[in-house]
């Protein structure tokens, strides 16, 4: 195909005559037309309107909502489990430190505030990293459902980010308060013993 023929194809309506003039094999598979476009019905196997395409797209998205709901439930469980395990691990590792501070005269209330601050700092760092990482993951996940005919793009708004953030912070505070109650049960003599 000559360069002039390619330019003619780009700047003209690509009809059977133009395509064959450029020595190409003309066999279209899809034709996008307006409502009043005239065409030969024997050349068309099937047709679909924009409304039908929209309806098919909405049906497809609705069928995926159960998967999205499952991801949300597992995400919520993951938040609670990870935050609780991080708090428990931190508590176990620092139990001797807490016992030492108690022996030195620090009240249990101040120790509970200390554990609360530590866990809130950890949650804040995870929250800051999690928002852009979650938006990126949403884009990658939604792109897996895109096809040649339909392209799905990620959609989020500030209200969904706010709801997710509130859930994360409530989960963090509740697990932190639950773990900080364990400070009451520290047996100082046992905690201060060396590893035998």
C-alpha atoms as a PDB file:
ATOM      1  CA  UNK A   1       0.000   0.000   0.000  1.00  0.00           C
ATOM      2  CA  UNK A   2       1.434   3.370  -1.011  1.00  0.00           C
ATOM      3  CA  UNK A   3       1.724   6.285   1.394  1.00  0.00           C
ATOM      4  CA  UNK A   4      -0.790   8.388  -0.577  1.00  0.00           C
ATOM      5  CA  UNK A   5      -3.319   5.541  -0.399  1.00  0.00           C
ATOM      6  CA  UNK A   6      -2.918   5.401   3.397  1.00  0.00           C
ATOM      7  CA  UNK A   7      -3.476   9.151   3.666  1.00  0.00           C
ATOM      8  CA  UNK A   8      -6.609   8.816   1.491  1.00  0.00           C
ATOM      9  CA  UNK A   9      -7.887   6.106   3.848  1.00  0.00           C
ATOM     10  CA  UNK A  10      -7.329   8.249   6.910  1.00  0.00           C
ATOM     11  CA  UNK A  11      -8.955  11.408   5.580  1.00  0.00           C
ATOM     12  CA  UNK A  12     -11.859   9.854   3.670  1.00  0.00           C
ATOM     13  CA  UNK A  13     -14.797   7.706   4.571  1.00  0.00           C
ATOM     14  CA  UNK A  14     -13.571   4.131   4.467  1.00  0.00           C
ATOM     15  CA  UNK A  15     -15.929   2.551   1.987  1.00  0.00           C
ATOM     16  CA  UNK A  16     -15.569  -0.730   0.135  1.00  0.00           C
ATOM     17  CA  UNK A  17     -14.397   1.152  -2.973  1.00  0.00           C
ATOM     18  CA  UNK A  18     -11.714   3.123  -1.053  1.00  0.00           C
ATOM     19  CA  UNK A  19     -10.440   0.042   0.748  1.00  0.00           C
ATOM     20  CA  UNK A  20     -10.269  -2.060  -2.423  1.00  0.00           C
ATOM     21  CA  UNK A  21      -8.588   0.796  -4.287  1.00  0.00           C
ATOM     22  CA  UNK A  22      -5.828   0.601  -1.658  1.00  0.00           C
ATOM     23  CA  UNK A  23      -5.549  -3.144  -2.457  1.00  0.00           C
ATOM     24  CA  UNK A  24      -7.026  -4.210   0.872  1.00  0.00           C
ATOM     25  CA  UNK A  25      -9.457  -7.054   1.592  1.00  0.00           C
ATOM     26  CA  UNK A  26     -12.753  -5.448   2.562  1.00  0.00           C
ATOM     27  CA  UNK A  27     -14.718  -7.431   5.128  1.00  0.00           C
ATOM     28  CA  UNK A  28     -16.086  -5.279   7.974  1.00  0.00           C
ATOM     29  CA  UNK A  29     -17.283  -7.031  11.114  1.00  0.00           C
ATOM     30  CA  UNK A  30     -18.795  -4.093  12.996  1.00  0.00           C
ATOM     31  CA  UNK A  31     -20.550  -1.000  11.711  1.00  0.00           C
ATOM     32  CA  UNK A  32     -21.280   1.987  13.939  1.00  0.00           C
ATOM     33  CA  UNK A  33     -24.076   4.064  12.444  1.00  0.00           C
ATOM     34  CA  UNK A  34     -26.658   6.642  13.378  1.00  0.00           C
ATOM     35  CA  UNK A  35     -30.405   6.043  13.480  1.00  0.00           C
ATOM     36  CA  UNK A  36     -31.148   7.183   9.932  1.00  0.00           C
ATOM     37  CA  UNK A  37     -28.289   5.357   8.216  1.00  0.00           C
ATOM     38  CA  UNK A  38     -29.335   3.282   5.185  1.00  0.00           C
ATOM     39  CA  UNK A  39     -27.801  -0.173   4.864  1.00  0.00           C
ATOM     40  CA  UNK A  40     -28.550  -3.489   3.176  1.00  0.00           C
ATOM     41  CA  UNK A  41     -30.295  -5.776   5.650  1.00  0.00           C
ATOM     42  CA  UNK A  42     -28.921  -8.922   4.000  1.00  0.00           C
ATOM     43  CA  UNK A  43     -25.364  -7.786   4.861  1.00  0.00           C
ATOM     44  CA  UNK A  44     -26.120  -7.541   8.606  1.00  0.00           C
ATOM     45  CA  UNK A  45     -26.196 -10.613  10.869  1.00  0.00           C
ATOM     46  CA  UNK A  46     -27.277  -8.796  14.016  1.00  0.00           C
ATOM     47  CA  UNK A  47     -27.707  -5.292  15.301  1.00  0.00           C
ATOM     48  CA  UNK A  48     -27.632  -3.817  18.760  1.00  0.00           C
ATOM     49  CA  UNK A  49     -28.717  -0.385  19.872  1.00  0.00           C
ATOM     50  CA  UNK A  50     -26.915   1.856  22.333  1.00  0.00           C
ATOM     51  CA  UNK A  51     -29.700   1.286  24.872  1.00  0.00           C
ATOM     52  CA  UNK A  52     -29.253  -2.488  24.577  1.00  0.00           C
ATOM     53  CA  UNK A  53     -25.490  -2.089  25.009  1.00  0.00           C
ATOM     54  CA  UNK A  54     -26.058  -0.010  28.132  1.00  0.00           C
ATOM     55  CA  UNK A  55     -28.527  -2.571  29.468  1.00  0.00           C
ATOM     56  CA  UNK A  56     -26.022  -5.397  28.860  1.00  0.00           C
ATOM     57  CA  UNK A  57     -23.286  -3.405  30.591  1.00  0.00           C
ATOM     58  CA  UNK A  58     -25.494  -2.719  33.632  1.00  0.00           C
ATOM     59  CA  UNK A  59     -26.521  -6.391  33.817  1.00  0.00           C
ATOM     60  CA  UNK A  60     -22.861  -7.395  33.728  1.00  0.00           C
ATOM     61  CA  UNK A  61     -21.971  -4.952  36.498  1.00  0.00           C
ATOM     62  CA  UNK A  62     -24.917  -6.118  38.609  1.00  0.00           C
ATOM     63  CA  UNK A  63     -23.782  -9.716  38.243  1.00  0.00           C
ATOM     64  CA  UNK A  64     -20.359  -8.661  39.561  1.00  0.00           C
ATOM     65  CA  UNK A  65     -21.816  -6.939  42.632  1.00  0.00           C
ATOM     66  CA  UNK A  66     -21.780 -10.205  44.609  1.00  0.00           C
ATOM     67  CA  UNK A  67     -18.043 -10.473  43.944  1.00  0.00           C
ATOM     68  CA  UNK A  68     -17.549  -6.851  44.997  1.00  0.00           C
ATOM     69  CA  UNK A  69     -19.571  -7.461  48.181  1.00  0.00           C
ATOM     70  CA  UNK A  70     -17.427 -10.516  48.954  1.00  0.00           C
ATOM     71  CA  UNK A  71     -14.246  -8.448  48.506  1.00  0.00           C
ATOM     72  CA  UNK A  72     -15.637  -5.777  50.859  1.00  0.00           C
ATOM     73  CA  UNK A  73     -16.486  -8.379  53.538  1.00  0.00           C
ATOM     74  CA  UNK A  74     -13.050 -10.008  53.306  1.00  0.00           C
ATOM     75  CA  UNK A  75     -11.418  -6.560  53.363  1.00  0.00           C
ATOM     76  CA  UNK A  76     -13.300  -5.694  56.564  1.00  0.00           C
ATOM     77  CA  UNK A  77     -12.277  -9.000  58.166  1.00  0.00           C
ATOM     78  CA  UNK A  78      -8.700  -8.409  57.057  1.00  0.00           C
ATOM     79  CA  UNK A  79      -8.698  -4.967  58.705  1.00  0.00           C
ATOM     80  CA  UNK A  80      -9.843  -6.397  62.041  1.00  0.00           C
ATOM     81  CA  UNK A  81      -7.547  -9.448  61.948  1.00  0.00           C
ATOM     82  CA  UNK A  82      -4.433  -7.518  60.888  1.00  0.00           C
ATOM     83  CA  UNK A  83      -4.955  -4.724  63.397  1.00  0.00           C
ATOM     84  CA  UNK A  84      -5.628  -7.175  66.235  1.00  0.00           C
ATOM     85  CA  UNK A  85      -2.602  -9.320  65.379  1.00  0.00           C
ATOM     86  CA  UNK A  86      -0.334  -6.268  65.113  1.00  0.00           C
ATOM     87  CA  UNK A  87      -1.555  -5.023  68.471  1.00  0.00           C
ATOM     88  CA  UNK A  88      -1.177  -8.442  70.122  1.00  0.00           C
ATOM     89  CA  UNK A  89       2.308  -8.908  68.705  1.00  0.00           C
ATOM     90  CA  UNK A  90       3.343  -5.462  69.892  1.00  0.00           C
ATOM     91  CA  UNK A  91       1.882  -6.154  73.333  1.00  0.00           C
ATOM     92  CA  UNK A  92       3.653  -9.515  73.706  1.00  0.00           C
ATOM     93  CA  UNK A  93       6.981  -8.076  72.554  1.00  0.00           C
ATOM     94  CA  UNK A  94       6.726  -5.109  74.894  1.00  0.00           C
ATOM     95  CA  UNK A  95       5.264  -6.851  77.946  1.00  0.00           C
ATOM     96  CA  UNK A  96       8.598  -6.675  79.823  1.00  0.00           C
ATOM     97  CA  UNK A  97       8.853  -2.968  78.957  1.00  0.00           C
ATOM     98  CA  UNK A  98       5.363  -2.345  80.321  1.00  0.00           C
ATOM     99  CA  UNK A  99       6.160  -4.322  83.496  1.00  0.00           C
ATOM    100  CA  UNK A 100       9.379  -2.314  83.952  1.00  0.00           C
ATOM    101  CA  UNK A 101       7.468   0.938  83.539  1.00  0.00           C
ATOM    102  CA  UNK A 102       4.888  -0.257  86.091  1.00  0.00           C
ATOM    103  CA  UNK A 103       7.657  -1.066  88.591  1.00  0.00           C
ATOM    104  CA  UNK A 104       9.106   2.409  88.003  1.00  0.00           C
ATOM    105  CA  UNK A 105       5.747   3.929  88.984  1.00  0.00           C
ATOM    106  CA  UNK A 106       3.934   4.564  85.696  1.00  0.00           C
ATOM    107  CA  UNK A 107       0.194   4.080  86.160  1.00  0.00           C
ATOM    108  CA  UNK A 108      -1.769   1.558  84.103  1.00  0.00           C
ATOM    109  CA  UNK A 109      -3.841   4.344  82.595  1.00  0.00           C
ATOM    110  CA  UNK A 110      -0.724   5.991  81.146  1.00  0.00           C
ATOM    111  CA  UNK A 111       0.454   2.642  79.790  1.00  0.00           C
ATOM    112  CA  UNK A 112      -2.912   2.173  78.079  1.00  0.00           C
ATOM    113  CA  UNK A 113      -2.596   5.644  76.531  1.00  0.00           C
ATOM    114  CA  UNK A 114       0.914   4.709  75.356  1.00  0.00           C
ATOM    115  CA  UNK A 115      -0.365   1.554  73.607  1.00  0.00           C
ATOM    116  CA  UNK A 116      -3.238   3.556  72.110  1.00  0.00           C
ATOM    117  CA  UNK A 117      -0.834   6.144  70.658  1.00  0.00           C
ATOM    118  CA  UNK A 118       1.472   3.440  69.253  1.00  0.00           C
ATOM    119  CA  UNK A 119      -1.382   1.629  67.513  1.00  0.00           C
ATOM    120  CA  UNK A 120      -2.894   4.871  66.206  1.00  0.00           C
ATOM    121  CA  UNK A 121       0.450   5.846  64.648  1.00  0.00           C
ATOM    122  CA  UNK A 122       0.659   2.409  62.979  1.00  0.00           C
ATOM    123  CA  UNK A 123      -2.928   2.766  61.741  1.00  0.00           C
ATOM    124  CA  UNK A 124      -2.267   6.274  60.437  1.00  0.00           C
ATOM    125  CA  UNK A 125       0.740   5.119  58.394  1.00  0.00           C
ATOM    126  CA  UNK A 126      -1.231   2.161  56.994  1.00  0.00           C
ATOM    127  CA  UNK A 127      -4.200   4.442  56.237  1.00  0.00           C
ATOM    128  CA  UNK A 128      -1.994   6.914  54.336  1.00  0.00           C
ATOM    129  CA  UNK A 129      -0.416   4.140  52.264  1.00  0.00           C
ATOM    130  CA  UNK A 130      -3.683   2.222  51.892  1.00  0.00           C
ATOM    131  CA  UNK A 131      -5.735   4.935  50.175  1.00  0.00           C
ATOM    132  CA  UNK A 132      -3.558   5.312  47.040  1.00  0.00           C
ATOM    133  CA  UNK A 133      -2.791   1.577  47.042  1.00  0.00           C
ATOM    134  CA  UNK A 134      -6.518   0.801  47.209  1.00  0.00           C
ATOM    135  CA  UNK A 135      -7.296   3.191  44.352  1.00  0.00           C
ATOM    136  CA  UNK A 136      -4.541   1.572  42.261  1.00  0.00           C
ATOM    137  CA  UNK A 137      -5.835  -1.932  43.091  1.00  0.00           C
ATOM    138  CA  UNK A 138      -9.383  -0.909  42.149  1.00  0.00           C
ATOM    139  CA  UNK A 139      -8.158   0.301  38.756  1.00  0.00           C
ATOM    140  CA  UNK A 140      -6.234  -2.921  38.118  1.00  0.00           C
ATOM    141  CA  UNK A 141      -9.152  -5.085  39.257  1.00  0.00           C
ATOM    142  CA  UNK A 142     -11.762  -3.292  37.149  1.00  0.00           C
ATOM    143  CA  UNK A 143      -9.513  -3.375  34.080  1.00  0.00           C
ATOM    144  CA  UNK A 144      -9.589  -7.177  34.150  1.00  0.00           C
ATOM    145  CA  UNK A 145     -13.276  -7.029  33.155  1.00  0.00           C
ATOM    146  CA  UNK A 146     -12.698  -4.702  30.197  1.00  0.00           C
ATOM    147  CA  UNK A 147     -13.016  -6.168  26.711  1.00  0.00           C
ATOM    148  CA  UNK A 148     -12.540  -4.891  23.177  1.00  0.00           C
ATOM    149  CA  UNK A 149     -16.201  -3.861  23.085  1.00  0.00           C
ATOM    150  CA  UNK A 150     -16.589  -2.530  26.642  1.00  0.00           C
ATOM    151  CA  UNK A 151     -14.162  -0.669  28.837  1.00  0.00           C
ATOM    152  CA  UNK A 152     -14.777  -0.431  32.562  1.00  0.00           C
ATOM    153  CA  UNK A 153     -12.950   2.243  34.513  1.00  0.00           C
ATOM    154  CA  UNK A 154     -12.502   2.639  38.232  1.00  0.00           C
ATOM    155  CA  UNK A 155     -14.948   4.866  40.031  1.00  0.00           C
ATOM    156  CA  UNK A 156     -14.665   6.188  43.551  1.00  0.00           C
ATOM    157  CA  UNK A 157     -15.756   9.321  45.337  1.00  0.00           C
ATOM    158  CA  UNK A 158     -14.858  10.967  48.584  1.00  0.00           C
ATOM    159  CA  UNK A 159     -17.865   9.537  50.409  1.00  0.00           C
ATOM    160  CA  UNK A 160     -16.688   5.944  49.786  1.00  0.00           C
ATOM    161  CA  UNK A 161     -13.171   6.853  50.899  1.00  0.00           C
ATOM    162  CA  UNK A 162     -14.651   8.500  54.007  1.00  0.00           C
ATOM    163  CA  UNK A 163     -16.780   5.420  54.830  1.00  0.00           C
ATOM    164  CA  UNK A 164     -13.778   3.104  54.416  1.00  0.00           C
ATOM    165  CA  UNK A 165     -11.625   5.430  56.526  1.00  0.00           C
ATOM    166  CA  UNK A 166     -14.204   5.569  59.317  1.00  0.00           C
ATOM    167  CA  UNK A 167     -14.421   1.775  59.320  1.00  0.00           C
ATOM    168  CA  UNK A 168     -10.623   1.460  59.515  1.00  0.00           C
ATOM    169  CA  UNK A 169     -10.378   3.938  62.379  1.00  0.00           C
ATOM    170  CA  UNK A 170     -13.247   2.335  64.316  1.00  0.00           C
ATOM    171  CA  UNK A 171     -11.638  -1.075  63.834  1.00  0.00           C
ATOM    172  CA  UNK A 172      -8.292   0.297  64.971  1.00  0.00           C
ATOM    173  CA  UNK A 173      -9.694   1.979  68.081  1.00  0.00           C
ATOM    174  CA  UNK A 174     -11.763  -1.035  69.116  1.00  0.00           C
ATOM    175  CA  UNK A 175      -8.894  -3.504  68.726  1.00  0.00           C
ATOM    176  CA  UNK A 176      -6.528  -1.092  70.488  1.00  0.00           C
ATOM    177  CA  UNK A 177      -8.893  -0.669  73.437  1.00  0.00           C
ATOM    178  CA  UNK A 178      -9.397  -4.446  73.601  1.00  0.00           C
ATOM    179  CA  UNK A 179      -5.646  -5.074  73.665  1.00  0.00           C
ATOM    180  CA  UNK A 180      -4.895  -2.254  76.101  1.00  0.00           C
ATOM    181  CA  UNK A 181      -7.155  -3.963  78.655  1.00  0.00           C
ATOM    182  CA  UNK A 182      -4.601  -6.756  78.785  1.00  0.00           C
ATOM    183  CA  UNK A 183      -2.196  -4.366  80.538  1.00  0.00           C
ATOM    184  CA  UNK A 184      -4.268  -4.905  83.690  1.00  0.00           C
ATOM    185  CA  UNK A 185      -3.427  -8.604  83.628  1.00  0.00           C
ATOM    186  CA  UNK A 186       0.360  -8.189  83.466  1.00  0.00           C
ATOM    187  CA  UNK A 187       1.941 -10.151  86.299  1.00  0.00           C
ATOM    188  CA  UNK A 188       4.958  -7.991  86.904  1.00  0.00           C
ATOM    189  CA  UNK A 189       7.179 -10.545  88.661  1.00  0.00           C
ATOM    190  CA  UNK A 190       6.638 -13.096  85.890  1.00  0.00           C
ATOM    191  CA  UNK A 191       7.095 -10.499  83.119  1.00  0.00           C
ATOM    192  CA  UNK A 192      10.383  -9.253  84.574  1.00  0.00           C
ATOM    193  CA  UNK A 193      11.904 -12.734  84.850  1.00  0.00           C
ATOM    194  CA  UNK A 194      14.713 -13.457  82.452  1.00  0.00           C
ATOM    195  CA  UNK A 195      14.385 -16.077  79.746  1.00  0.00           C
ATOM    196  CA  UNK A 196      15.396 -19.384  81.275  1.00  0.00           C
END
